Amino acid sequence: MLKSFYHFLMKYRHPKPQNDINLFANAAYEDHSFPKNSEDYDELSNYLELNGHYLTSMVVFDEAWEIYLSTEKR
């Protein structure tokens, strides 16, 4: 069974963030409206464009999405 993007992202949470993906994971964890069960790029991208004020750039999401695809969608 495929993990949701949120579930995948949570392994990057870090108490002392080292990079933008750590920051994204920490912020998504705090975002109680984040689509936690989604595996859909468009749904997540649209959500973050409207609500992802915590992202410095959508490039961070795209980088995380590429890692998600390469590790989870085998």
PDB file of N, CA and C in Angstrom:
ATOM      1  N   MET A   1       0.847  -1.197   0.000  1.00  0.00           N
ATOM      2  CA  MET A   1       0.000   0.000   0.000  1.00  0.00           C
ATOM      3  C   MET A   1       0.887   1.253   0.000  1.00  0.00           C
ATOM      4  N   LEU A   2       0.502   2.187  -0.822  1.00  0.00           N
ATOM      5  CA  LEU A   2       1.259   3.428  -0.966  1.00  0.00           C
ATOM      6  C   LEU A   2       1.004   4.360   0.217  1.00  0.00           C
ATOM      7  N   LYS A   3       2.081   4.922   0.725  1.00  0.00           N
ATOM      8  CA  LYS A   3       1.946   5.934   1.787  1.00  0.00           C
ATOM      9  C   LYS A   3       1.432   7.225   1.189  1.00  0.00           C
ATOM     10  N   SER A   4       0.664   7.955   1.967  1.00  0.00           N
ATOM     11  CA  SER A   4       0.282   9.297   1.526  1.00  0.00           C
ATOM     12  C   SER A   4       1.540  10.172   1.531  1.00  0.00           C
ATOM     13  N   PHE A   5       1.474  11.271   0.792  1.00  0.00           N
ATOM     14  CA  PHE A   5       2.608  12.199   0.761  1.00  0.00           C
ATOM     15  C   PHE A   5       2.903  12.713   2.166  1.00  0.00           C
ATOM     16  N   TYR A   6       1.843  13.036   2.913  1.00  0.00           N
ATOM     17  CA  TYR A   6       2.020  13.547   4.281  1.00  0.00           C
ATOM     18  C   TYR A   6       2.770  12.522   5.139  1.00  0.00           C
ATOM     19  N   HIS A   7       2.351  11.273   5.069  1.00  0.00           N
ATOM     20  CA  HIS A   7       2.994  10.215   5.857  1.00  0.00           C
ATOM     21  C   HIS A   7       4.480  10.118   5.480  1.00  0.00           C
ATOM     22  N   PHE A   8       4.764  10.162   4.191  1.00  0.00           N
ATOM     23  CA  PHE A   8       6.147  10.160   3.711  1.00  0.00           C
ATOM     24  C   PHE A   8       6.915  11.362   4.276  1.00  0.00           C
ATOM     25  N   LEU A   9       6.293  12.546   4.189  1.00  0.00           N
ATOM     26  CA  LEU A   9       6.953  13.783   4.596  1.00  0.00           C
ATOM     27  C   LEU A   9       7.308  13.792   6.084  1.00  0.00           C
ATOM     28  N   MET A  10       6.509  13.119   6.888  1.00  0.00           N
ATOM     29  CA  MET A  10       6.722  13.158   8.340  1.00  0.00           C
ATOM     30  C   MET A  10       8.055  12.545   8.758  1.00  0.00           C
ATOM     31  N   LYS A  11       8.640  11.688   7.918  1.00  0.00           N
ATOM     32  CA  LYS A  11       9.951  11.148   8.297  1.00  0.00           C
ATOM     33  C   LYS A  11      11.049  12.207   8.198  1.00  0.00           C
ATOM     34  N   TYR A  12      10.721  13.373   7.627  1.00  0.00           N
ATOM     35  CA  TYR A  12      11.685  14.471   7.527  1.00  0.00           C
ATOM     36  C   TYR A  12      11.529  15.509   8.634  1.00  0.00           C
ATOM     37  N   ARG A  13      10.585  15.290   9.535  1.00  0.00           N
ATOM     38  CA  ARG A  13      10.460  16.215  10.673  1.00  0.00           C
ATOM     39  C   ARG A  13      11.744  16.182  11.489  1.00  0.00           C
ATOM     40  N   HIS A  14      12.141  17.341  11.987  1.00  0.00           N
ATOM     41  CA  HIS A  14      13.400  17.406  12.731  1.00  0.00           C
ATOM     42  C   HIS A  14      13.311  18.547  13.741  1.00  0.00           C
ATOM     43  N   PRO A  15      13.708  18.288  14.997  1.00  0.00           N
ATOM     44  CA  PRO A  15      13.639  19.345  16.023  1.00  0.00           C
ATOM     45  C   PRO A  15      14.563  20.525  15.717  1.00  0.00           C
ATOM     46  N   LYS A  16      15.643  20.252  15.007  1.00  0.00           N
ATOM     47  CA  LYS A  16      16.556  21.335  14.589  1.00  0.00           C
ATOM     48  C   LYS A  16      16.708  21.223  13.075  1.00  0.00           C
ATOM     49  N   PRO A  17      15.773  21.827  12.348  1.00  0.00           N
ATOM     50  CA  PRO A  17      15.754  21.655  10.890  1.00  0.00           C
ATOM     51  C   PRO A  17      17.094  21.982  10.240  1.00  0.00           C
ATOM     52  N   GLN A  18      17.511  21.086   9.362  1.00  0.00           N
ATOM     53  CA  GLN A  18      18.781  21.221   8.665  1.00  0.00           C
ATOM     54  C   GLN A  18      18.610  21.781   7.254  1.00  0.00           C
ATOM     55  N   ASN A  19      17.380  21.673   6.707  1.00  0.00           N
ATOM     56  CA  ASN A  19      17.163  22.078   5.320  1.00  0.00           C
ATOM     57  C   ASN A  19      15.688  22.449   5.109  1.00  0.00           C
ATOM     58  N   ASP A  20      15.369  22.866   3.890  1.00  0.00           N
ATOM     59  CA  ASP A  20      14.013  23.324   3.581  1.00  0.00           C
ATOM     60  C   ASP A  20      12.974  22.209   3.696  1.00  0.00           C
ATOM     61  N   ILE A  21      13.378  20.970   3.402  1.00  0.00           N
ATOM     62  CA  ILE A  21      12.416  19.869   3.511  1.00  0.00           C
ATOM     63  C   ILE A  21      12.101  19.596   4.982  1.00  0.00           C
ATOM     64  N   ASN A  22      13.090  19.709   5.855  1.00  0.00           N
ATOM     65  CA  ASN A  22      12.815  19.588   7.301  1.00  0.00           C
ATOM     66  C   ASN A  22      11.840  20.676   7.743  1.00  0.00           C
ATOM     67  N   LEU A  23      12.063  21.895   7.292  1.00  0.00           N
ATOM     68  CA  LEU A  23      11.172  23.008   7.651  1.00  0.00           C
ATOM     69  C   LEU A  23       9.756  22.764   7.130  1.00  0.00           C
ATOM     70  N   PHE A  24       9.663  22.279   5.892  1.00  0.00           N
ATOM     71  CA  PHE A  24       8.372  21.962   5.280  1.00  0.00           C
ATOM     72  C   PHE A  24       7.655  20.883   6.084  1.00  0.00           C
ATOM     73  N   ALA A  25       8.362  19.824   6.443  1.00  0.00           N
ATOM     74  CA  ALA A  25       7.755  18.729   7.214  1.00  0.00           C
ATOM     75  C   ALA A  25       7.257  19.223   8.568  1.00  0.00           C
ATOM     76  N   ASN A  26       8.064  20.018   9.244  1.00  0.00           N
ATOM     77  CA  ASN A  26       7.652  20.565  10.540  1.00  0.00           C
ATOM     78  C   ASN A  26       6.405  21.427  10.394  1.00  0.00           C
ATOM     79  N   ALA A  27       6.369  22.274   9.362  1.00  0.00           N
ATOM     80  CA  ALA A  27       5.232  23.166   9.153  1.00  0.00           C
ATOM     81  C   ALA A  27       3.983  22.396   8.750  1.00  0.00           C
ATOM     82  N   ALA A  28       4.142  21.388   7.890  1.00  0.00           N
ATOM     83  CA  ALA A  28       2.994  20.574   7.474  1.00  0.00           C
ATOM     84  C   ALA A  28       2.399  19.853   8.680  1.00  0.00           C
ATOM     85  N   TYR A  29       3.249  19.409   9.594  1.00  0.00           N
ATOM     86  CA  TYR A  29       2.781  18.756  10.811  1.00  0.00           C
ATOM     87  C   TYR A  29       1.896  19.693  11.634  1.00  0.00           C
ATOM     88  N   GLU A  30       2.274  20.966  11.664  1.00  0.00           N
ATOM     89  CA  GLU A  30       1.513  21.966  12.421  1.00  0.00           C
ATOM     90  C   GLU A  30       0.248  22.422  11.681  1.00  0.00           C
ATOM     91  N   ASP A  31       0.175  22.152  10.383  1.00  0.00           N
ATOM     92  CA  ASP A  31      -0.952  22.567   9.541  1.00  0.00           C
ATOM     93  C   ASP A  31      -2.056  21.518   9.637  1.00  0.00           C
ATOM     94  N   HIS A  32      -3.038  21.778  10.479  1.00  0.00           N
ATOM     95  CA  HIS A  32      -4.080  20.787  10.746  1.00  0.00           C
ATOM     96  C   HIS A  32      -5.032  20.570   9.580  1.00  0.00           C
ATOM     97  N   SER A  33      -4.967  21.425   8.567  1.00  0.00           N
ATOM     98  CA  SER A  33      -5.818  21.261   7.383  1.00  0.00           C
ATOM     99  C   SER A  33      -5.096  20.572   6.232  1.00  0.00           C
ATOM    100  N   PHE A  34      -3.820  20.265   6.414  1.00  0.00           N
ATOM    101  CA  PHE A  34      -3.045  19.630   5.341  1.00  0.00           C
ATOM    102  C   PHE A  34      -3.751  18.355   4.882  1.00  0.00           C
ATOM    103  N   PRO A  35      -3.854  18.130   3.559  1.00  0.00           N
ATOM    104  CA  PRO A  35      -4.528  16.906   3.061  1.00  0.00           C
ATOM    105  C   PRO A  35      -3.699  15.650   3.358  1.00  0.00           C
ATOM    106  N   LYS A  36      -3.882  15.128   4.534  1.00  0.00           N
ATOM    107  CA  LYS A  36      -3.026  14.067   5.062  1.00  0.00           C
ATOM    108  C   LYS A  36      -3.106  12.743   4.315  1.00  0.00           C
ATOM    109  N   ASN A  37      -4.207  12.486   3.628  1.00  0.00           N
ATOM    110  CA  ASN A  37      -4.354  11.196   2.956  1.00  0.00           C
ATOM    111  C   ASN A  37      -4.104  11.253   1.456  1.00  0.00           C
ATOM    112  N   SER A  38      -3.697  12.410   0.963  1.00  0.00           N
ATOM    113  CA  SER A  38      -3.561  12.579  -0.478  1.00  0.00           C
ATOM    114  C   SER A  38      -2.260  12.001  -1.021  1.00  0.00           C
ATOM    115  N   GLU A  39      -2.382  11.417  -2.225  1.00  0.00           N
ATOM    116  CA  GLU A  39      -1.231  10.962  -3.001  1.00  0.00           C
ATOM    117  C   GLU A  39      -1.225  11.693  -4.339  1.00  0.00           C
ATOM    118  N   ASP A  40      -2.031  12.748  -4.453  1.00  0.00           N
ATOM    119  CA  ASP A  40      -2.262  13.434  -5.717  1.00  0.00           C
ATOM    120  C   ASP A  40      -1.500  14.758  -5.794  1.00  0.00           C
ATOM    121  N   TYR A  41      -0.605  14.861  -6.780  1.00  0.00           N
ATOM    122  CA  TYR A  41       0.231  16.055  -6.926  1.00  0.00           C
ATOM    123  C   TYR A  41      -0.608  17.317  -7.058  1.00  0.00           C
ATOM    124  N   ASP A  42      -1.606  17.291  -7.945  1.00  0.00           N
ATOM    125  CA  ASP A  42      -2.397  18.493  -8.198  1.00  0.00           C
ATOM    126  C   ASP A  42      -3.157  18.945  -6.952  1.00  0.00           C
ATOM    127  N   GLU A  43      -3.741  18.001  -6.239  1.00  0.00           N
ATOM    128  CA  GLU A  43      -4.473  18.344  -5.009  1.00  0.00           C
ATOM    129  C   GLU A  43      -3.531  18.998  -4.000  1.00  0.00           C
ATOM    130  N   LEU A  44      -2.363  18.396  -3.807  1.00  0.00           N
ATOM    131  CA  LEU A  44      -1.403  18.925  -2.839  1.00  0.00           C
ATOM    132  C   LEU A  44      -0.835  20.270  -3.284  1.00  0.00           C
ATOM    133  N   SER A  45      -0.511  20.364  -4.566  1.00  0.00           N
ATOM    134  CA  SER A  45       0.042  21.602  -5.103  1.00  0.00           C
ATOM    135  C   SER A  45      -0.957  22.753  -4.968  1.00  0.00           C
ATOM    136  N   ASN A  46      -2.203  22.501  -5.330  1.00  0.00           N
ATOM    137  CA  ASN A  46      -3.244  23.530  -5.208  1.00  0.00           C
ATOM    138  C   ASN A  46      -3.428  23.947  -3.758  1.00  0.00           C
ATOM    139  N   TYR A  47      -3.464  22.961  -2.863  1.00  0.00           N
ATOM    140  CA  TYR A  47      -3.609  23.261  -1.436  1.00  0.00           C
ATOM    141  C   TYR A  47      -2.470  24.169  -0.963  1.00  0.00           C
ATOM    142  N   LEU A  48      -1.237  23.797  -1.313  1.00  0.00           N
ATOM    143  CA  LEU A  48      -0.077  24.552  -0.842  1.00  0.00           C
ATOM    144  C   LEU A  48      -0.003  25.945  -1.460  1.00  0.00           C
ATOM    145  N   GLU A  49      -0.433  26.078  -2.709  1.00  0.00           N
ATOM    146  CA  GLU A  49      -0.426  27.409  -3.327  1.00  0.00           C
ATOM    147  C   GLU A  49      -1.376  28.348  -2.600  1.00  0.00           C
ATOM    148  N   LEU A  50      -2.470  27.800  -2.084  1.00  0.00           N
ATOM    149  CA  LEU A  50      -3.450  28.625  -1.372  1.00  0.00           C
ATOM    150  C   LEU A  50      -3.160  28.756   0.123  1.00  0.00           C
ATOM    151  N   ASN A  51      -2.567  27.725   0.714  1.00  0.00           N
ATOM    152  CA  ASN A  51      -2.432  27.670   2.172  1.00  0.00           C
ATOM    153  C   ASN A  51      -1.008  27.487   2.675  1.00  0.00           C
ATOM    154  N   GLY A  52      -0.070  27.262   1.783  1.00  0.00           N
ATOM    155  CA  GLY A  52       1.287  26.933   2.206  1.00  0.00           C
ATOM    156  C   GLY A  52       2.162  28.146   2.417  1.00  0.00           C
ATOM    157  N   HIS A  53       1.636  29.102   3.170  1.00  0.00           N
ATOM    158  CA  HIS A  53       2.400  30.322   3.456  1.00  0.00           C
ATOM    159  C   HIS A  53       3.740  30.014   4.129  1.00  0.00           C
ATOM    160  N   TYR A  54       3.854  28.840   4.717  1.00  0.00           N
ATOM    161  CA  TYR A  54       5.080  28.449   5.411  1.00  0.00           C
ATOM    162  C   TYR A  54       6.164  27.957   4.446  1.00  0.00           C
ATOM    163  N   LEU A  55       5.826  27.745   3.181  1.00  0.00           N
ATOM    164  CA  LEU A  55       6.825  27.314   2.205  1.00  0.00           C
ATOM    165  C   LEU A  55       7.547  28.536   1.650  1.00  0.00           C
ATOM    166  N   THR A  56       8.862  28.513   1.652  1.00  0.00           N
ATOM    167  CA  THR A  56       9.615  29.628   1.079  1.00  0.00           C
ATOM    168  C   THR A  56       9.427  29.666  -0.429  1.00  0.00           C
ATOM    169  N   SER A  57       9.208  28.494  -1.030  1.00  0.00           N
ATOM    170  CA  SER A  57       9.017  28.381  -2.472  1.00  0.00           C
ATOM    171  C   SER A  57       8.350  27.048  -2.778  1.00  0.00           C
ATOM    172  N   MET A  58       7.553  27.011  -3.838  1.00  0.00           N
ATOM    173  CA  MET A  58       6.949  25.743  -4.253  1.00  0.00           C
ATOM    174  C   MET A  58       8.015  24.759  -4.730  1.00  0.00           C
ATOM    175  N   VAL A  59       9.204  25.254  -5.007  1.00  0.00           N
ATOM    176  CA  VAL A  59      10.313  24.369  -5.387  1.00  0.00           C
ATOM    177  C   VAL A  59      10.575  23.345  -4.277  1.00  0.00           C
ATOM    178  N   VAL A  60      10.400  23.753  -3.033  1.00  0.00           N
ATOM    179  CA  VAL A  60      10.606  22.845  -1.894  1.00  0.00           C
ATOM    180  C   VAL A  60       9.620  21.679  -1.983  1.00  0.00           C
ATOM    181  N   PHE A  61       8.349  21.979  -2.279  1.00  0.00           N
ATOM    182  CA  PHE A  61       7.354  20.917  -2.452  1.00  0.00           C
ATOM    183  C   PHE A  61       7.745  20.023  -3.627  1.00  0.00           C
ATOM    184  N   ASP A  62       8.138  20.624  -4.738  1.00  0.00           N
ATOM    185  CA  ASP A  62       8.506  19.837  -5.918  1.00  0.00           C
ATOM    186  C   ASP A  62       9.684  18.908  -5.625  1.00  0.00           C
ATOM    187  N   GLU A  63      10.665  19.397  -4.886  1.00  0.00           N
ATOM    188  CA  GLU A  63      11.809  18.551  -4.511  1.00  0.00           C
ATOM    189  C   GLU A  63      11.356  17.384  -3.633  1.00  0.00           C
ATOM    190  N   ALA A  64      10.515  17.693  -2.653  1.00  0.00           N
ATOM    191  CA  ALA A  64       9.999  16.640  -1.769  1.00  0.00           C
ATOM    192  C   ALA A  64       9.155  15.645  -2.561  1.00  0.00           C
ATOM    193  N   TRP A  65       8.371  16.149  -3.508  1.00  0.00           N
ATOM    194  CA  TRP A  65       7.520  15.272  -4.336  1.00  0.00           C
ATOM    195  C   TRP A  65       8.390  14.317  -5.158  1.00  0.00           C
ATOM    196  N   GLU A  66       9.493  14.802  -5.715  1.00  0.00           N
ATOM    197  CA  GLU A  66      10.388  13.949  -6.504  1.00  0.00           C
ATOM    198  C   GLU A  66      10.972  12.827  -5.638  1.00  0.00           C
ATOM    199  N   ILE A  67      11.348  13.154  -4.407  1.00  0.00           N
ATOM    200  CA  ILE A  67      11.857  12.131  -3.478  1.00  0.00           C
ATOM    201  C   ILE A  67      10.752  11.129  -3.170  1.00  0.00           C
ATOM    202  N   TYR A  68       9.549  11.645  -2.921  1.00  0.00           N
ATOM    203  CA  TYR A  68       8.382  10.784  -2.657  1.00  0.00           C
ATOM    204  C   TYR A  68       8.177   9.806  -3.808  1.00  0.00           C
ATOM    205  N   LEU A  69       8.175  10.320  -5.048  1.00  0.00           N
ATOM    206  CA  LEU A  69       7.964   9.445  -6.205  1.00  0.00           C
ATOM    207  C   LEU A  69       9.049   8.391  -6.319  1.00  0.00           C
ATOM    208  N   SER A  70      10.287   8.799  -6.093  1.00  0.00           N
ATOM    209  CA  SER A  70      11.397   7.854  -6.295  1.00  0.00           C
ATOM    210  C   SER A  70      11.481   6.818  -5.175  1.00  0.00           C
ATOM    211  N   THR A  71      10.978   7.143  -3.994  1.00  0.00           N
ATOM    212  CA  THR A  71      11.093   6.191  -2.888  1.00  0.00           C
ATOM    213  C   THR A  71       9.807   5.432  -2.589  1.00  0.00           C
ATOM    214  N   GLU A  72       8.644   6.030  -2.855  1.00  0.00           N
ATOM    215  CA  GLU A  72       7.375   5.415  -2.452  1.00  0.00           C
ATOM    216  C   GLU A  72       6.604   4.786  -3.592  1.00  0.00           C
ATOM    217  N   LYS A  73       6.731   5.304  -4.785  1.00  0.00           N
ATOM    218  CA  LYS A  73       5.870   4.856  -5.890  1.00  0.00           C
ATOM    219  C   LYS A  73       6.589   3.832  -6.770  1.00  0.00           C
ATOM    220  N   ARG A  74       7.259   2.919  -6.171  1.00  0.00           N
ATOM    221  CA  ARG A  74       7.985   1.885  -6.925  1.00  0.00           C
ATOM    222  C   ARG A  74       7.025   0.898  -7.541  1.00  0.00           C
TER     223      ARG A  74
END
